[in-house]
């Protein structure tokens, strides 16, 4: 119901803007016809009506953008609320079970592990929101040091394998013939690790059936290093390849696949890449054909 209401509001403002622009155009045309012999009134009228038309168009664009932004923020709040409420409910349920019932030692340890996993999920959500706010601050300091590419990729891959219970075959990485340990960039290791972890987590989440994820470290030229993550998941429609990096934006996956998340993962990835003088972009042949996300960073010249 809310989505229909917003679509109706957007359609109303677009229609109103078009009608006002058309009315201004008709008035300006009539003014030109009536005053075509008088140069000064003609020129002033054309300029005046031009400003009116431009103002109407800009106002309509602004209103439509604000409506869409509010829709994205509502979607973000719903997602974050779900991400917070679900593990809290789970933890409370297991605590109540431990409080009210006698549970054997094996089951108790199982409950503890589930609660620890839920706590980690909560911390991940909170950290994601805080990091998204931090990376967009223009005056935020960036701690720069030499970061070896090979070890940071290995650490991120190991964490993703452990977190998602993947085998080495399911998530593999290769430096494309280059000794990755000899490649380095200047930047904040924690931020770069977060960016790479977000890309790997996305690759797993959007590859729900038999994930096959490959990580490559490439050197396209002497000035740049690329960390490329390729998956065999649901893919991204071509029209959404740039939008996936916007804040709060989430891809509508085919077949109504519900993917957990806040819509901040890839936004943080690109923001971190930009802070380090690089870029991040996605490639996909379309729905069901997998996705490749690339983080490109300036290479450290020793």
Foldseek 3Di string as FASTA:
>chain_A
DVVVVLVVVLVVLVVVLVVQLVVLVVVLVVQCVVCVPPPPSNVVSVVVSVVSNVVSVVVSVVVNVVSVVVVLVVLLVVQLVCLQVVLVVLLVVLVVCVVPDDDDPVVNVVSVVSNVLSVVSNVVSVVLVVLLVQLPDPPRDWDKDKDQQVVLLVVLQVVLCVNVVHDCQLEDEDAVPDPSRPWIAITHSVLQSLLSNLVSVVQPQQAPPSKRKYWYWDDPDPWKIKIKIWIQGFWAAPVCFVVLLDASDDGCGPPRDDGRDSSRNNVSNQSRLVVQVWGKTKDTPHTRGIIMIMRMHTIDDD
